[in-house]
């Protein structure tokens, strides 16, 4: 089975409970839609967390978020082939996979593209307090080109999109933090996703990032909920 959930930010209690509830196995895949929380500090605690997660009865496919390092910038991650596409994996943790932006994966007969990254609206606060912030959190021009070239090769048809943020027109503005000046927020990734969504023939679009759960048209925002991919 293919399951999907939203951001975990290093807290996997609900993931553990879910795996126990559905009696999952390594043959099952759980897609986490970014901000997983296992490449943020890259210290001993994260190492121990990865070791524990790797033992869970499930395979994790992690979409790149904005509060974590890109796996391609970590030497211990290597590109491997998985489900028809390229993922990043560490030899020691083969069940913890990070999607490569622009790759298409065959999951239960469905073609699914990964498009990670987003802007951190809390960037000024993080920098002021010495917290980690990653300059490459949003997709680069190279990544955007790779995504568009892959979709062109697919005649702009996929079954599902796994992204961290969402197309601009679907932004859940009703939950925005009013203490944040939206005029200084970089929405370039969301505007780019708007152009993607406008041309793409797809059945479902799944995203995280906003810590909300709602469905608008074919775009589903996920956080604590779990669903099986249709």
Protein backbone atom coordinates (compact mmCIF):
# COMPACT_ATOMS: atom_id res chain seq x y z
CA UNK A 1 0.00 0.00 0.00
CA UNK A 2 0.97 3.62 -0.53
CA UNK A 3 0.15 5.95 2.35
CA UNK A 4 0.59 9.73 2.58
CA UNK A 5 0.91 12.14 5.50
CA UNK A 6 2.06 15.70 6.18
CA UNK A 7 5.07 17.29 7.89
CA UNK A 8 6.49 15.42 10.88
CA UNK A 9 9.27 17.81 12.03
CA UNK A 10 11.13 15.02 13.80
CA UNK A 11 8.15 13.79 15.83
CA UNK A 12 7.25 10.31 14.65
CA UNK A 13 4.90 9.13 17.38
CA UNK A 14 1.90 9.29 15.07
CA UNK A 15 3.82 7.49 12.33
CA UNK A 16 4.71 4.68 14.72
CA UNK A 17 1.09 4.46 15.89
CA UNK A 18 -0.18 4.42 12.31
CA UNK A 19 2.18 1.63 11.27
CA UNK A 20 0.99 -0.38 14.25
CA UNK A 21 -2.67 0.33 13.44
CA UNK A 22 -2.49 -0.76 9.78
CA UNK A 23 0.08 -3.51 10.48
CA UNK A 24 2.33 -2.20 7.75
CA UNK A 25 5.42 -3.87 6.31
CA UNK A 26 8.54 -2.80 4.45
CA UNK A 27 6.59 -3.45 1.25
CA UNK A 28 4.37 -0.49 2.15
CA UNK A 29 5.45 3.07 1.41
CA UNK A 30 4.63 6.13 3.48
CA UNK A 31 5.10 9.43 1.65
CA UNK A 32 5.92 12.33 4.00
CA UNK A 33 5.24 15.65 2.27
CA UNK A 34 8.31 17.54 3.45
CA UNK A 35 9.85 18.85 6.69
CA UNK A 36 10.46 15.32 7.86
CA UNK A 37 12.95 16.40 10.52
CA UNK A 38 15.79 13.95 10.02
CA UNK A 39 18.26 16.16 8.14
CA UNK A 40 17.95 19.33 10.19
CA UNK A 41 20.76 19.28 12.74
CA UNK A 42 22.60 16.23 11.45
CA UNK A 43 23.85 15.30 14.90
CA UNK A 44 23.86 12.19 17.12
CA UNK A 45 20.19 12.61 18.03
CA UNK A 46 19.22 12.60 14.37
CA UNK A 47 21.42 9.58 13.76
CA UNK A 48 19.61 7.69 16.52
CA UNK A 49 16.27 8.83 15.13
CA UNK A 50 17.17 7.53 11.68
CA UNK A 51 18.26 4.22 13.14
CA UNK A 52 14.92 3.84 14.90
CA UNK A 53 12.92 4.88 11.83
CA UNK A 54 14.80 2.46 9.62
CA UNK A 55 13.52 -0.36 11.83
CA UNK A 56 9.86 0.59 11.36
CA UNK A 57 7.73 -1.79 9.27
CA UNK A 58 7.44 0.68 6.39
CA UNK A 59 9.53 2.40 3.72
CA UNK A 60 9.56 6.19 3.94
CA UNK A 61 9.60 8.34 0.79
CA UNK A 62 10.39 11.87 1.97
CA UNK A 63 9.68 14.98 -0.10
CA UNK A 64 12.11 17.84 0.43
CA UNK A 65 10.75 20.55 2.72
CA UNK A 66 12.13 23.93 3.76
CA UNK A 67 13.31 23.06 7.28
CA UNK A 68 15.90 20.44 6.30
CA UNK A 69 19.11 20.01 4.34
CA UNK A 70 18.92 18.77 0.81
CA UNK A 71 20.21 15.18 0.78
CA UNK A 72 22.31 15.88 -2.33
CA UNK A 73 24.42 18.22 -0.19
CA UNK A 74 25.19 15.45 2.34
CA UNK A 75 28.10 13.23 1.28
CA UNK A 76 26.70 10.02 2.73
CA UNK A 77 23.61 10.16 0.48
CA UNK A 78 23.87 8.38 -2.86
CA UNK A 79 21.52 8.26 -5.81
CA UNK A 80 19.84 4.90 -6.30
CA UNK A 81 17.00 3.64 -8.47
CA UNK A 82 13.67 2.96 -6.79
CA UNK A 83 10.20 2.43 -8.22
CA UNK A 84 11.20 3.69 -11.65
CA UNK A 85 12.93 6.87 -10.49
CA UNK A 86 15.98 8.20 -8.66
CA UNK A 87 16.01 8.69 -4.90
CA UNK A 88 18.66 9.66 -2.36
CA UNK A 89 19.55 7.06 0.26
CA UNK A 90 22.18 6.33 2.88
CA UNK A 91 23.56 2.81 2.87
CA UNK A 92 22.99 2.45 6.59
CA UNK A 93 19.31 3.46 6.36
CA UNK A 94 17.89 1.85 3.19
CA UNK A 95 14.26 2.36 4.25
CA UNK A 96 14.62 6.16 4.53
CA UNK A 97 14.45 7.53 1.01
CA UNK A 98 14.42 11.14 -0.15
CA UNK A 99 12.74 11.94 -3.45
CA UNK A 100 14.69 13.77 -6.12
CA UNK A 101 12.75 16.76 -7.41
CA UNK A 102 11.42 16.13 -10.89
CA UNK A 103 11.54 12.34 -10.65
CA UNK A 104 8.48 10.25 -11.43
CA UNK A 105 7.81 7.13 -9.38
CA UNK A 106 5.57 4.19 -10.24
CA UNK A 107 3.57 3.56 -7.08
CA UNK A 108 0.83 0.95 -7.21
CA UNK A 109 0.53 1.53 -10.93
CA UNK A 110 0.29 5.32 -10.60
CA UNK A 111 2.82 7.79 -11.95
CA UNK A 112 3.73 10.32 -9.26
CA UNK A 113 6.06 13.30 -9.56
CA UNK A 114 7.96 14.83 -6.64
CA UNK A 115 8.37 18.61 -6.38
CA UNK A 116 9.85 19.70 -3.07
CA UNK A 117 10.93 22.92 -1.41
CA UNK A 118 9.33 26.11 -0.12
CA UNK A 119 10.15 29.45 1.49
CA UNK A 120 10.47 29.68 5.27
CA UNK A 121 8.17 32.46 6.46
CA UNK A 122 9.96 32.26 9.81
CA UNK A 123 13.35 32.93 8.19
CA UNK A 124 14.01 36.26 10.03
CA UNK A 125 13.14 34.67 13.38
CA UNK A 126 15.31 31.64 12.70
CA UNK A 127 18.30 33.75 11.71
CA UNK A 128 17.88 36.06 14.71
CA UNK A 129 17.93 33.08 17.08
CA UNK A 130 20.76 31.20 15.40
CA UNK A 131 18.51 28.40 14.17
CA UNK A 132 19.24 26.51 10.99
CA UNK A 133 18.08 28.06 7.74
CA UNK A 134 19.01 26.61 4.35
CA UNK A 135 19.64 28.96 1.44
CA UNK A 136 18.68 26.25 -1.07
CA UNK A 137 15.32 25.54 0.56
CA UNK A 138 13.41 26.53 -2.59
CA UNK A 139 13.81 24.80 -5.96
CA UNK A 140 16.58 26.33 -8.06
CA UNK A 141 16.23 27.31 -11.70
CA UNK A 142 17.99 24.04 -12.55
CA UNK A 143 15.46 22.02 -10.56
CA UNK A 144 12.55 23.89 -12.11
CA UNK A 145 13.93 23.19 -15.58
CA UNK A 146 14.33 19.51 -14.72
CA UNK A 147 10.73 19.31 -13.52
CA UNK A 148 9.38 21.00 -16.63
CA UNK A 149 11.48 18.90 -18.98
CA UNK A 150 10.30 15.71 -17.29
CA UNK A 151 6.67 16.76 -17.49
CA UNK A 152 7.10 17.70 -21.14
CA UNK A 153 8.45 14.19 -21.78
CA UNK A 154 5.33 12.86 -20.03
CA UNK A 155 3.07 15.03 -22.23
CA UNK A 156 2.12 16.88 -19.05
CA UNK A 157 0.18 13.93 -17.68
CA UNK A 158 0.68 12.26 -14.28
CA UNK A 159 -1.58 10.59 -11.77
CA UNK A 160 -0.36 12.45 -8.70
CA UNK A 161 1.88 15.27 -7.53
CA UNK A 162 3.75 15.13 -4.21
CA UNK A 163 4.88 18.64 -3.28
CA UNK A 164 5.76 20.46 -0.09
CA UNK A 165 4.05 23.75 -0.81
CA UNK A 166 1.12 24.37 -3.16
CA UNK A 167 0.24 26.36 -6.30
CA UNK A 168 -0.29 30.02 -5.42
CA UNK A 169 -4.00 30.09 -6.25
CA UNK A 170 -4.64 27.42 -3.61
CA UNK A 171 -2.74 29.12 -0.78
CA UNK A 172 -4.75 28.67 2.48
CA UNK A 173 -4.65 32.36 3.38
CA UNK A 174 -7.30 31.88 6.08
CA UNK A 175 -4.71 30.23 8.35
CA UNK A 176 -1.83 32.65 7.77
CA UNK A 177 -0.10 34.11 10.82
CA UNK A 178 -1.15 37.76 10.89
CA UNK A 179 2.05 38.71 12.72
CA UNK A 180 4.03 37.92 9.55
CA UNK A 181 4.23 40.63 6.90
CA UNK A 182 3.10 38.79 3.79
CA UNK A 183 4.59 41.50 1.58
CA UNK A 184 8.09 40.23 2.38
CA UNK A 185 7.26 36.54 1.87
CA UNK A 186 8.84 35.00 -1.22
CA UNK A 187 6.03 33.21 -3.08
CA UNK A 188 8.07 32.51 -6.21
CA UNK A 189 7.84 28.74 -5.77
CA UNK A 190 4.06 28.90 -5.39
CA UNK A 191 3.74 31.11 -8.49
CA UNK A 192 5.88 28.64 -10.44
CA UNK A 193 3.71 25.77 -9.24
CA UNK A 194 0.72 27.76 -10.53
CA UNK A 195 2.16 27.55 -14.03
CA UNK A 196 2.78 23.82 -13.56
CA UNK A 197 -0.73 23.17 -12.27
CA UNK A 198 -2.29 25.17 -15.09
CA UNK A 199 -0.72 22.95 -17.76
CA UNK A 200 -0.76 19.62 -15.97
CA UNK A 201 -3.31 16.85 -16.48
CA UNK A 202 -3.38 15.17 -13.04
CA UNK A 203 -5.80 13.33 -10.76
CA UNK A 204 -4.53 14.27 -7.31
CA UNK A 205 -2.14 16.85 -5.86
CA UNK A 206 -0.89 16.29 -2.30
CA UNK A 207 0.99 18.96 -0.30
CA UNK A 208 2.05 19.71 3.26
CA UNK A 209 3.88 22.81 4.59
CA UNK A 210 0.88 24.76 5.87
CA UNK A 211 -0.02 22.53 8.84
CA UNK A 212 -3.65 22.28 7.80
CA UNK A 213 -5.96 19.64 6.40
CA UNK A 214 -8.33 20.55 3.59
CA UNK A 215 -9.31 19.67 0.04
CA UNK A 216 -9.70 22.28 -2.70
CA UNK A 217 -10.58 20.94 -6.13
CA UNK A 218 -7.98 18.18 -6.65
CA UNK A 219 -5.41 19.67 -4.23
CA UNK A 220 -5.25 18.06 -0.80
CA UNK A 221 -3.41 19.73 2.10
CA UNK A 222 -2.15 17.26 4.69
CA UNK A 223 -0.71 17.51 8.18
CA UNK A 224 -1.54 14.96 10.89
CA UNK A 225 -3.89 12.93 8.72
CA UNK A 226 -3.02 9.73 6.89
CA UNK A 227 -4.62 8.50 3.69
CA UNK A 228 -4.02 5.64 1.32
CA UNK A 229 -3.33 6.80 -2.23
CA UNK A 230 -6.25 6.29 -4.58
